[in-house]
């Protein structure tokens, strides 16, 4: 059996877990910020979580990825590095996404592809919204993508079918039911985030 020694000088980290809530749509007239703000408010009520919202509209990364080993142009490099820094300090992610043509919004997939190490060994939760499907196809595809990046997709998720009819004044009409679902997902997210934060500190993750 191969031994994988832990770092004896490391100790388990403490303090609130840093959760990044990512707005995955950049289309004009998008509904994502409404859903993301509500979810971030739910998460911010917890003492064990510190929430940071990341809106991908602020990161217009080009669709043409830089050649591996080559540096992108200066402006793109600044965008990528700033996004990577914000994602890197997160202990967990919650992706708020719609569904376009039964799959992931292009801007979201592009942003995911520009970042690499920052996703690894961290849990990812999903809040999806849309028409009849509620964004379920996008979430199904995102689970595969994040698994490839060595992240840990959660089983639990929040789904808003016909979302534009389900919100009033920035809040779900079925507030109690939605808040219970958010709490369930956050409980799972915090469990995994705490376990993986400790594991990364004691034994740095290697691909």
Protein backbone atom coordinates (compact mmCIF):
# COMPACT_ATOMS: atom_id res chain seq x y z
CA UNK A 1 0.00 0.00 0.00
CA UNK A 2 1.36 3.43 -0.93
CA UNK A 3 1.52 5.88 1.94
CA UNK A 4 0.46 9.49 1.38
CA UNK A 5 1.86 11.41 4.35
CA UNK A 6 0.00 14.45 5.54
CA UNK A 7 1.74 17.72 6.30
CA UNK A 8 2.50 17.58 10.04
CA UNK A 9 2.85 21.37 10.25
CA UNK A 10 -0.69 21.99 8.95
CA UNK A 11 -3.72 22.37 11.15
CA UNK A 12 -7.38 22.20 10.30
CA UNK A 13 -8.67 25.68 9.33
CA UNK A 14 -11.48 27.32 11.25
CA UNK A 15 -13.86 30.20 10.69
CA UNK A 16 -16.72 30.72 8.24
CA UNK A 17 -16.59 28.85 4.95
CA UNK A 18 -16.22 31.08 1.91
CA UNK A 19 -19.03 30.33 -0.58
CA UNK A 20 -18.94 31.87 -4.06
CA UNK A 21 -22.38 32.28 -5.67
CA UNK A 22 -21.82 32.43 -9.45
CA UNK A 23 -24.34 34.08 -11.79
CA UNK A 24 -24.01 31.98 -14.95
CA UNK A 25 -26.07 33.96 -17.49
CA UNK A 26 -24.94 37.17 -19.20
CA UNK A 27 -27.86 37.68 -21.60
CA UNK A 28 -29.77 40.95 -21.75
CA UNK A 29 -32.91 40.76 -19.63
CA UNK A 30 -31.56 37.78 -17.68
CA UNK A 31 -33.37 36.55 -14.59
CA UNK A 32 -30.28 35.06 -12.95
CA UNK A 33 -29.37 37.99 -10.67
CA UNK A 34 -32.82 37.86 -9.06
CA UNK A 35 -32.42 34.16 -8.24
CA UNK A 36 -28.80 34.60 -7.15
CA UNK A 37 -29.56 37.50 -4.81
CA UNK A 38 -32.30 35.51 -3.10
CA UNK A 39 -30.07 32.47 -2.65
CA UNK A 40 -27.15 34.59 -1.40
CA UNK A 41 -29.50 36.09 1.21
CA UNK A 42 -30.41 32.59 2.39
CA UNK A 43 -26.75 31.61 2.67
CA UNK A 44 -25.78 34.84 4.42
CA UNK A 45 -28.13 34.03 7.30
CA UNK A 46 -25.77 31.28 8.41
CA UNK A 47 -22.97 31.98 10.89
CA UNK A 48 -20.74 29.34 9.30
CA UNK A 49 -20.79 30.87 5.81
CA UNK A 50 -19.32 34.00 4.22
CA UNK A 51 -20.91 34.71 0.84
CA UNK A 52 -19.35 36.34 -2.20
CA UNK A 53 -21.38 36.87 -5.38
CA UNK A 54 -19.54 36.57 -8.69
CA UNK A 55 -21.39 37.81 -11.77
CA UNK A 56 -19.87 36.52 -15.01
CA UNK A 57 -21.07 39.60 -16.84
CA UNK A 58 -18.09 41.29 -15.16
CA UNK A 59 -15.71 38.77 -16.77
CA UNK A 60 -16.15 38.91 -20.57
CA UNK A 61 -13.41 36.40 -21.29
CA UNK A 62 -12.91 35.67 -25.00
CA UNK A 63 -14.25 32.45 -26.43
CA UNK A 64 -10.85 31.69 -27.95
CA UNK A 65 -8.77 30.17 -25.17
CA UNK A 66 -5.07 30.99 -25.05
CA UNK A 67 -2.78 28.25 -26.33
CA UNK A 68 -1.56 26.15 -23.38
CA UNK A 69 1.75 27.59 -22.18
CA UNK A 70 1.15 30.95 -23.84
CA UNK A 71 0.01 34.04 -21.96
CA UNK A 72 -3.21 35.71 -23.13
CA UNK A 73 -3.22 39.42 -23.93
CA UNK A 74 -2.87 41.79 -20.97
CA UNK A 75 -6.58 42.65 -20.58
CA UNK A 76 -7.65 39.02 -20.79
CA UNK A 77 -4.93 38.02 -18.38
CA UNK A 78 -6.16 40.53 -15.81
CA UNK A 79 -9.74 39.27 -16.13
CA UNK A 80 -8.69 35.64 -15.84
CA UNK A 81 -6.38 36.27 -12.89
CA UNK A 82 -8.98 38.28 -10.99
CA UNK A 83 -11.63 35.60 -11.52
CA UNK A 84 -9.16 32.85 -10.58
CA UNK A 85 -8.21 34.70 -7.40
CA UNK A 86 -11.85 35.08 -6.33
CA UNK A 87 -12.64 31.45 -7.10
CA UNK A 88 -9.41 30.28 -5.51
CA UNK A 89 -10.26 31.69 -2.10
CA UNK A 90 -13.69 30.03 -2.13
CA UNK A 91 -14.27 26.83 -0.18
CA UNK A 92 -17.42 26.01 -2.13
CA UNK A 93 -19.40 27.17 -5.16
CA UNK A 94 -23.06 27.59 -5.96
CA UNK A 95 -23.75 28.00 -9.68
CA UNK A 96 -26.97 29.81 -10.60
CA UNK A 97 -27.81 28.83 -14.14
CA UNK A 98 -30.53 28.79 -16.78
CA UNK A 99 -30.66 26.31 -19.63
CA UNK A 100 -30.06 27.24 -23.26
CA UNK A 101 -30.97 24.64 -25.88
CA UNK A 102 -30.92 21.88 -23.27
CA UNK A 103 -27.43 22.67 -22.07
CA UNK A 104 -25.08 25.11 -20.30
CA UNK A 105 -24.96 28.83 -21.17
CA UNK A 106 -21.91 29.46 -23.36
CA UNK A 107 -20.52 32.21 -21.12
CA UNK A 108 -20.66 29.92 -18.09
CA UNK A 109 -18.90 27.03 -19.82
CA UNK A 110 -16.30 29.44 -21.20
CA UNK A 111 -15.55 30.89 -17.76
CA UNK A 112 -15.26 27.39 -16.29
CA UNK A 113 -12.79 26.43 -19.02
CA UNK A 114 -10.56 29.45 -18.40
CA UNK A 115 -10.00 28.36 -14.78
CA UNK A 116 -8.43 25.07 -13.71
CA UNK A 117 -6.85 24.39 -10.31
CA UNK A 118 -9.22 26.67 -8.39
CA UNK A 119 -12.17 24.27 -8.81
CA UNK A 120 -10.45 21.15 -7.50
CA UNK A 121 -11.47 19.38 -4.28
CA UNK A 122 -14.33 21.77 -3.54
CA UNK A 123 -18.09 21.14 -3.51
CA UNK A 124 -20.43 22.66 -6.11
CA UNK A 125 -24.14 23.22 -5.61
CA UNK A 126 -26.60 24.23 -8.32
CA UNK A 127 -29.57 26.58 -8.42
CA UNK A 128 -31.30 26.30 -11.79
CA UNK A 129 -34.22 28.12 -13.33
CA UNK A 130 -36.09 28.23 -16.60
CA UNK A 131 -39.26 27.04 -18.28
CA UNK A 132 -40.76 23.58 -17.93
CA UNK A 133 -37.41 21.89 -17.33
CA UNK A 134 -36.23 24.45 -14.80
CA UNK A 135 -32.66 24.22 -16.10
CA UNK A 136 -32.27 20.53 -15.25
CA UNK A 137 -30.41 19.72 -18.46
CA UNK A 138 -27.83 22.41 -17.73
CA UNK A 139 -27.27 21.02 -14.24
CA UNK A 140 -26.93 17.47 -15.56
CA UNK A 141 -24.21 18.60 -17.95
CA UNK A 142 -22.49 20.75 -15.33
CA UNK A 143 -22.17 17.74 -13.04
CA UNK A 144 -20.03 16.01 -15.69
CA UNK A 145 -17.97 19.14 -16.31
CA UNK A 146 -17.17 19.76 -12.66
CA UNK A 147 -16.38 16.09 -12.03
CA UNK A 148 -13.79 16.32 -14.80
CA UNK A 149 -12.29 19.32 -12.95
CA UNK A 150 -12.02 17.25 -9.74
CA UNK A 151 -14.75 19.23 -7.99
CA UNK A 152 -17.53 17.53 -6.00
CA UNK A 153 -21.04 18.18 -7.37
CA UNK A 154 -23.79 17.92 -4.78
CA UNK A 155 -26.74 15.61 -5.17
CA UNK A 156 -29.14 18.23 -3.78
CA UNK A 157 -30.07 21.24 -5.90
CA UNK A 158 -32.70 23.97 -6.17
CA UNK A 159 -34.95 24.07 -9.23
CA UNK A 160 -37.29 26.86 -10.27
CA UNK A 161 -39.65 25.81 -13.05
CA UNK A 162 -41.28 28.75 -14.88
CA UNK A 163 -39.13 30.94 -12.66
CA UNK A 164 -40.45 34.30 -13.86
CA UNK A 165 -43.88 33.28 -12.55
CA UNK A 166 -42.50 31.93 -9.28
CA UNK A 167 -40.88 35.14 -7.99
CA UNK A 168 -42.55 38.27 -6.70
CA UNK A 169 -40.55 41.25 -5.46
CA UNK A 170 -37.33 39.28 -5.72
CA UNK A 171 -38.57 36.37 -3.60
CA UNK A 172 -40.20 33.03 -4.42
CA UNK A 173 -43.96 33.00 -3.98
CA UNK A 174 -43.64 29.65 -2.19
CA UNK A 175 -41.14 31.21 0.24
CA UNK A 176 -41.32 28.56 2.95
CA UNK A 177 -40.85 25.61 0.60
CA UNK A 178 -37.99 27.29 -1.25
CA UNK A 179 -36.25 28.28 1.96
CA UNK A 180 -36.42 24.69 3.23
CA UNK A 181 -34.89 23.45 -0.04
CA UNK A 182 -32.14 26.09 0.18
CA UNK A 183 -31.38 25.10 3.77
CA UNK A 184 -31.12 21.43 2.82
CA UNK A 185 -28.67 22.17 0.03
CA UNK A 186 -26.65 24.56 2.19
CA UNK A 187 -26.40 21.94 4.93
CA UNK A 188 -24.87 19.51 2.43
CA UNK A 189 -22.65 22.19 0.92
CA UNK A 190 -21.28 23.21 4.32
CA UNK A 191 -20.62 19.59 5.32
CA UNK A 192 -18.59 18.93 2.18
CA UNK A 193 -16.90 22.33 2.22
CA UNK A 194 -15.74 21.88 5.81
CA UNK A 195 -14.53 18.32 5.21
CA UNK A 196 -12.67 19.24 2.02
CA UNK A 197 -11.19 22.45 3.43
CA UNK A 198 -9.72 20.42 6.28
CA UNK A 199 -8.48 17.74 3.89
CA UNK A 200 -6.80 20.29 1.59
CA UNK A 201 -5.05 21.90 4.56
CA UNK A 202 -3.77 18.61 5.98
CA UNK A 203 -2.96 16.98 2.66
CA UNK A 204 -2.83 19.25 -0.42
CA UNK A 205 -4.89 17.83 -3.26
CA UNK A 206 -2.98 16.44 -6.23
CA UNK A 207 -4.54 15.59 -9.58
